[in-house]
Amino acid sequence: MLKRLGHDVLTIQDTGKAERAVPDTEILAEAGKDRRALLTLNRKHFVRLHREQPQHAGIITCTFDADFERQAQRIHRTLETQPELTGQLLRVNRPAD
């Protein structure tokens, strides 16, 4: 859905690292090498990494939403308001139903 909304998306599956126990620090570093922001549901770990390593290409944390289209729309709207992601931690939370 994010691709359909015009975002350049590279998934962990696309990198060939999906089923490997790759440390979060390595995932963040790899994204940074490609100047890509990282989008994750692993909020706790990446919020901590943001505090420890604030020099990154951007981290977007999300709460899980089974309605993927609705979640993608929330992410898209958040990204529209934040043109520069370098060093930023964005939180995209599912609204209470």
N, C-alpha and C. Protein backbone atom coordinates (compact mmCIF):
# COMPACT_ATOMS: atom_id res chain seq x y z
N MET A 1 0.83 -1.20 0.00
CA MET A 1 0.00 0.00 0.00
C MET A 1 0.87 1.26 0.00
N LEU A 2 1.96 1.27 0.77
CA LEU A 2 2.84 2.43 0.79
C LEU A 2 3.47 2.68 -0.58
N LYS A 3 3.77 1.62 -1.29
CA LYS A 3 4.31 1.78 -2.65
C LYS A 3 3.26 2.43 -3.55
N ARG A 4 2.02 2.01 -3.43
CA ARG A 4 0.94 2.60 -4.24
C ARG A 4 0.75 4.07 -3.92
N LEU A 5 1.08 4.45 -2.69
CA LEU A 5 0.97 5.86 -2.28
C LEU A 5 2.19 6.67 -2.68
N GLY A 6 3.13 6.03 -3.40
CA GLY A 6 4.27 6.75 -3.94
C GLY A 6 5.55 6.67 -3.13
N HIS A 7 5.59 5.81 -2.13
CA HIS A 7 6.79 5.70 -1.30
C HIS A 7 7.73 4.63 -1.84
N ASP A 8 9.01 4.91 -1.75
CA ASP A 8 10.06 3.97 -2.15
C ASP A 8 10.29 3.03 -0.97
N VAL A 9 9.78 1.82 -1.07
CA VAL A 9 9.79 0.86 0.04
C VAL A 9 10.71 -0.30 -0.28
N LEU A 10 11.57 -0.64 0.67
CA LEU A 10 12.42 -1.82 0.60
C LEU A 10 12.16 -2.61 1.88
N THR A 11 11.63 -3.82 1.75
CA THR A 11 11.31 -4.61 2.94
C THR A 11 12.51 -5.44 3.37
N ILE A 12 12.45 -5.92 4.58
CA ILE A 12 13.51 -6.82 5.08
C ILE A 12 13.54 -8.09 4.23
N GLN A 13 12.39 -8.50 3.71
CA GLN A 13 12.35 -9.65 2.83
C GLN A 13 13.11 -9.36 1.53
N ASP A 14 12.98 -8.13 1.03
CA ASP A 14 13.70 -7.74 -0.18
C ASP A 14 15.21 -7.82 -0.01
N THR A 15 15.69 -7.61 1.21
CA THR A 15 17.13 -7.62 1.47
C THR A 15 17.68 -9.03 1.65
N GLY A 16 16.80 -10.02 1.80
CA GLY A 16 17.24 -11.39 2.04
C GLY A 16 17.59 -11.69 3.48
N LYS A 17 17.23 -10.81 4.40
CA LYS A 17 17.58 -10.98 5.81
C LYS A 17 16.37 -11.29 6.69
N ALA A 18 15.27 -11.65 6.09
CA ALA A 18 14.02 -11.81 6.84
C ALA A 18 14.06 -12.92 7.89
N GLU A 19 14.58 -14.04 7.57
CA GLU A 19 14.55 -15.18 8.49
C GLU A 19 15.85 -15.35 9.27
N ARG A 20 16.65 -14.30 9.30
CA ARG A 20 17.91 -14.35 10.03
C ARG A 20 17.79 -13.48 11.26
N ALA A 21 18.50 -13.82 12.28
CA ALA A 21 18.46 -13.04 13.52
C ALA A 21 19.45 -11.87 13.41
N VAL A 22 19.08 -10.90 12.58
CA VAL A 22 19.94 -9.74 12.37
C VAL A 22 19.68 -8.74 13.50
N PRO A 23 20.71 -8.30 14.19
CA PRO A 23 20.51 -7.34 15.28
C PRO A 23 19.90 -6.03 14.78
N ASP A 24 19.07 -5.42 15.64
CA ASP A 24 18.43 -4.16 15.29
C ASP A 24 19.45 -3.09 14.92
N THR A 25 20.59 -3.07 15.60
CA THR A 25 21.62 -2.07 15.31
C THR A 25 22.13 -2.22 13.88
N GLU A 26 22.24 -3.46 13.41
CA GLU A 26 22.70 -3.70 12.04
C GLU A 26 21.64 -3.28 11.02
N ILE A 27 20.39 -3.56 11.33
CA ILE A 27 19.29 -3.17 10.43
C ILE A 27 19.27 -1.64 10.30
N LEU A 28 19.40 -0.93 11.42
CA LEU A 28 19.40 0.53 11.39
C LEU A 28 20.61 1.06 10.62
N ALA A 29 21.76 0.45 10.82
CA ALA A 29 22.98 0.88 10.11
C ALA A 29 22.84 0.65 8.61
N GLU A 30 22.30 -0.49 8.20
CA GLU A 30 22.12 -0.78 6.78
C GLU A 30 21.16 0.21 6.14
N ALA A 31 20.08 0.53 6.84
CA ALA A 31 19.13 1.52 6.31
C ALA A 31 19.84 2.86 6.14
N GLY A 32 20.65 3.22 7.10
CA GLY A 32 21.36 4.49 7.04
C GLY A 32 22.35 4.56 5.89
N LYS A 33 23.01 3.45 5.60
CA LYS A 33 23.95 3.43 4.47
C LYS A 33 23.26 3.78 3.16
N ASP A 34 22.02 3.33 3.05
CA ASP A 34 21.23 3.60 1.84
C ASP A 34 20.40 4.89 1.96
N ARG A 35 20.60 5.62 3.07
CA ARG A 35 19.86 6.85 3.37
C ARG A 35 18.36 6.59 3.37
N ARG A 36 17.98 5.45 3.97
CA ARG A 36 16.57 5.09 4.07
C ARG A 36 16.12 5.19 5.52
N ALA A 37 14.94 5.72 5.72
CA ALA A 37 14.33 5.68 7.04
C ALA A 37 13.87 4.26 7.29
N LEU A 38 13.78 3.89 8.55
CA LEU A 38 13.38 2.54 8.92
C LEU A 38 11.97 2.59 9.50
N LEU A 39 11.09 1.74 9.03
CA LEU A 39 9.72 1.63 9.51
C LEU A 39 9.60 0.31 10.25
N THR A 40 9.11 0.35 11.49
CA THR A 40 9.08 -0.86 12.29
C THR A 40 7.89 -0.91 13.25
N LEU A 41 7.48 -2.13 13.55
CA LEU A 41 6.51 -2.36 14.63
C LEU A 41 7.24 -2.62 15.95
N ASN A 42 8.53 -2.80 15.87
CA ASN A 42 9.37 -3.09 17.04
C ASN A 42 9.69 -1.78 17.76
N ARG A 43 8.66 -1.19 18.32
CA ARG A 43 8.76 0.16 18.87
C ARG A 43 9.77 0.27 20.01
N LYS A 44 9.67 -0.60 20.97
CA LYS A 44 10.49 -0.49 22.18
C LYS A 44 11.99 -0.46 21.85
N HIS A 45 12.44 -1.39 21.03
CA HIS A 45 13.86 -1.47 20.72
C HIS A 45 14.36 -0.29 19.90
N PHE A 46 13.56 0.16 18.94
CA PHE A 46 14.02 1.23 18.08
C PHE A 46 13.90 2.61 18.71
N VAL A 47 12.99 2.78 19.65
CA VAL A 47 12.97 4.03 20.43
C VAL A 47 14.24 4.11 21.27
N ARG A 48 14.63 2.98 21.85
CA ARG A 48 15.88 2.94 22.63
C ARG A 48 17.07 3.22 21.72
N LEU A 49 17.10 2.61 20.54
CA LEU A 49 18.21 2.85 19.61
C LEU A 49 18.27 4.32 19.18
N HIS A 50 17.13 4.94 19.01
CA HIS A 50 17.10 6.36 18.64
C HIS A 50 17.78 7.19 19.73
N ARG A 51 17.51 6.87 20.98
CA ARG A 51 18.15 7.61 22.08
C ARG A 51 19.65 7.35 22.11
N GLU A 52 20.05 6.11 21.85
CA GLU A 52 21.46 5.73 21.91
C GLU A 52 22.25 6.17 20.67
N GLN A 53 21.59 6.17 19.52
CA GLN A 53 22.24 6.49 18.25
C GLN A 53 21.38 7.48 17.45
N PRO A 54 21.35 8.73 17.87
CA PRO A 54 20.44 9.68 17.23
C PRO A 54 20.82 10.08 15.81
N GLN A 55 22.00 9.69 15.36
CA GLN A 55 22.41 10.00 13.99
C GLN A 55 22.00 8.83 13.09
N HIS A 56 20.84 8.92 12.50
CA HIS A 56 20.33 7.89 11.59
C HIS A 56 19.49 8.55 10.52
N ALA A 57 19.03 7.78 9.57
CA ALA A 57 18.26 8.32 8.44
C ALA A 57 16.78 8.48 8.76
N GLY A 58 16.38 8.14 9.97
CA GLY A 58 14.99 8.28 10.40
C GLY A 58 14.43 6.95 10.85
N ILE A 59 13.62 7.01 11.89
CA ILE A 59 12.93 5.82 12.41
C ILE A 59 11.46 6.17 12.54
N ILE A 60 10.62 5.30 12.00
CA ILE A 60 9.17 5.45 12.10
C ILE A 60 8.67 4.21 12.83
N THR A 61 8.10 4.40 14.01
CA THR A 61 7.55 3.27 14.76
C THR A 61 6.03 3.28 14.63
N CYS A 62 5.46 2.10 14.56
CA CYS A 62 4.01 1.96 14.40
C CYS A 62 3.46 0.95 15.38
N THR A 63 2.21 1.15 15.75
CA THR A 63 1.49 0.10 16.46
C THR A 63 0.83 -0.77 15.40
N PHE A 64 0.65 -2.04 15.71
CA PHE A 64 0.07 -2.98 14.76
C PHE A 64 -1.39 -2.63 14.50
N ASP A 65 -1.79 -2.73 13.25
CA ASP A 65 -3.18 -2.56 12.84
C ASP A 65 -3.44 -3.59 11.76
N ALA A 66 -4.39 -4.47 12.00
CA ALA A 66 -4.72 -5.51 11.03
C ALA A 66 -5.29 -4.92 9.74
N ASP A 67 -5.80 -3.70 9.82
CA ASP A 67 -6.28 -3.00 8.63
C ASP A 67 -5.07 -2.29 8.01
N PHE A 68 -4.34 -3.02 7.16
CA PHE A 68 -3.09 -2.52 6.61
C PHE A 68 -3.27 -1.26 5.77
N GLU A 69 -4.40 -1.17 5.08
CA GLU A 69 -4.64 0.03 4.27
C GLU A 69 -4.79 1.26 5.17
N ARG A 70 -5.54 1.11 6.24
CA ARG A 70 -5.71 2.22 7.18
C ARG A 70 -4.37 2.60 7.81
N GLN A 71 -3.57 1.59 8.13
CA GLN A 71 -2.25 1.85 8.71
C GLN A 71 -1.35 2.58 7.71
N ALA A 72 -1.35 2.14 6.48
CA ALA A 72 -0.54 2.78 5.44
C ALA A 72 -0.97 4.23 5.24
N GLN A 73 -2.25 4.50 5.29
CA GLN A 73 -2.74 5.88 5.15
C GLN A 73 -2.24 6.76 6.30
N ARG A 74 -2.24 6.22 7.53
CA ARG A 74 -1.73 6.99 8.68
C ARG A 74 -0.24 7.28 8.51
N ILE A 75 0.51 6.28 8.07
CA ILE A 75 1.95 6.46 7.84
C ILE A 75 2.16 7.52 6.76
N HIS A 76 1.43 7.41 5.69
CA HIS A 76 1.54 8.35 4.57
C HIS A 76 1.26 9.78 5.03
N ARG A 77 0.18 9.98 5.78
CA ARG A 77 -0.15 11.33 6.26
C ARG A 77 0.94 11.87 7.18
N THR A 78 1.51 11.01 8.01
CA THR A 78 2.59 11.44 8.90
C THR A 78 3.80 11.86 8.09
N LEU A 79 4.15 11.08 7.08
CA LEU A 79 5.32 11.41 6.26
C LEU A 79 5.13 12.69 5.46
N GLU A 80 3.90 12.98 5.07
CA GLU A 80 3.63 14.23 4.35
C GLU A 80 3.93 15.46 5.20
N THR A 81 3.79 15.32 6.51
CA THR A 81 4.02 16.46 7.40
C THR A 81 5.47 16.57 7.84
N GLN A 82 6.29 15.59 7.51
CA GLN A 82 7.69 15.55 7.95
C GLN A 82 8.60 15.30 6.75
N PRO A 83 8.93 16.33 5.99
CA PRO A 83 9.73 16.12 4.78
C PRO A 83 11.16 15.65 5.05
N GLU A 84 11.73 16.01 6.19
CA GLU A 84 13.10 15.61 6.52
C GLU A 84 13.06 14.61 7.67
N LEU A 85 13.53 13.40 7.40
CA LEU A 85 13.47 12.34 8.42
C LEU A 85 14.80 12.11 9.13
N THR A 86 15.89 12.63 8.61
CA THR A 86 17.20 12.38 9.19
C THR A 86 17.21 12.75 10.67
N GLY A 87 17.57 11.77 11.50
CA GLY A 87 17.66 11.97 12.94
C GLY A 87 16.33 12.03 13.66
N GLN A 88 15.23 11.84 12.94
CA GLN A 88 13.90 11.95 13.53
C GLN A 88 13.36 10.59 13.96
N LEU A 89 12.59 10.61 15.04
CA LEU A 89 11.81 9.46 15.48
C LEU A 89 10.35 9.86 15.36
N LEU A 90 9.62 9.19 14.47
CA LEU A 90 8.19 9.45 14.28
C LEU A 90 7.40 8.27 14.83
N ARG A 91 6.34 8.58 15.51
CA ARG A 91 5.47 7.52 16.06
C ARG A 91 4.12 7.60 15.37
N VAL A 92 3.69 6.47 14.82
CA VAL A 92 2.40 6.39 14.15
C VAL A 92 1.59 5.34 14.89
N ASN A 93 0.66 5.81 15.71
CA ASN A 93 -0.11 4.90 16.56
C ASN A 93 -1.51 4.67 16.02
N ARG A 94 -1.99 3.48 16.24
CA ARG A 94 -3.36 3.12 15.87
C ARG A 94 -4.31 3.85 16.82
N PRO A 95 -5.31 4.52 16.29
CA PRO A 95 -6.26 5.21 17.17
C PRO A 95 -7.10 4.21 17.95
N ALA A 96 -7.52 4.62 19.11
CA ALA A 96 -8.42 3.77 19.91
C ALA A 96 -9.74 3.67 19.18
N ASP A 97 -10.24 2.46 19.02
CA ASP A 97 -11.53 2.27 18.29
C ASP A 97 -12.70 2.50 19.19
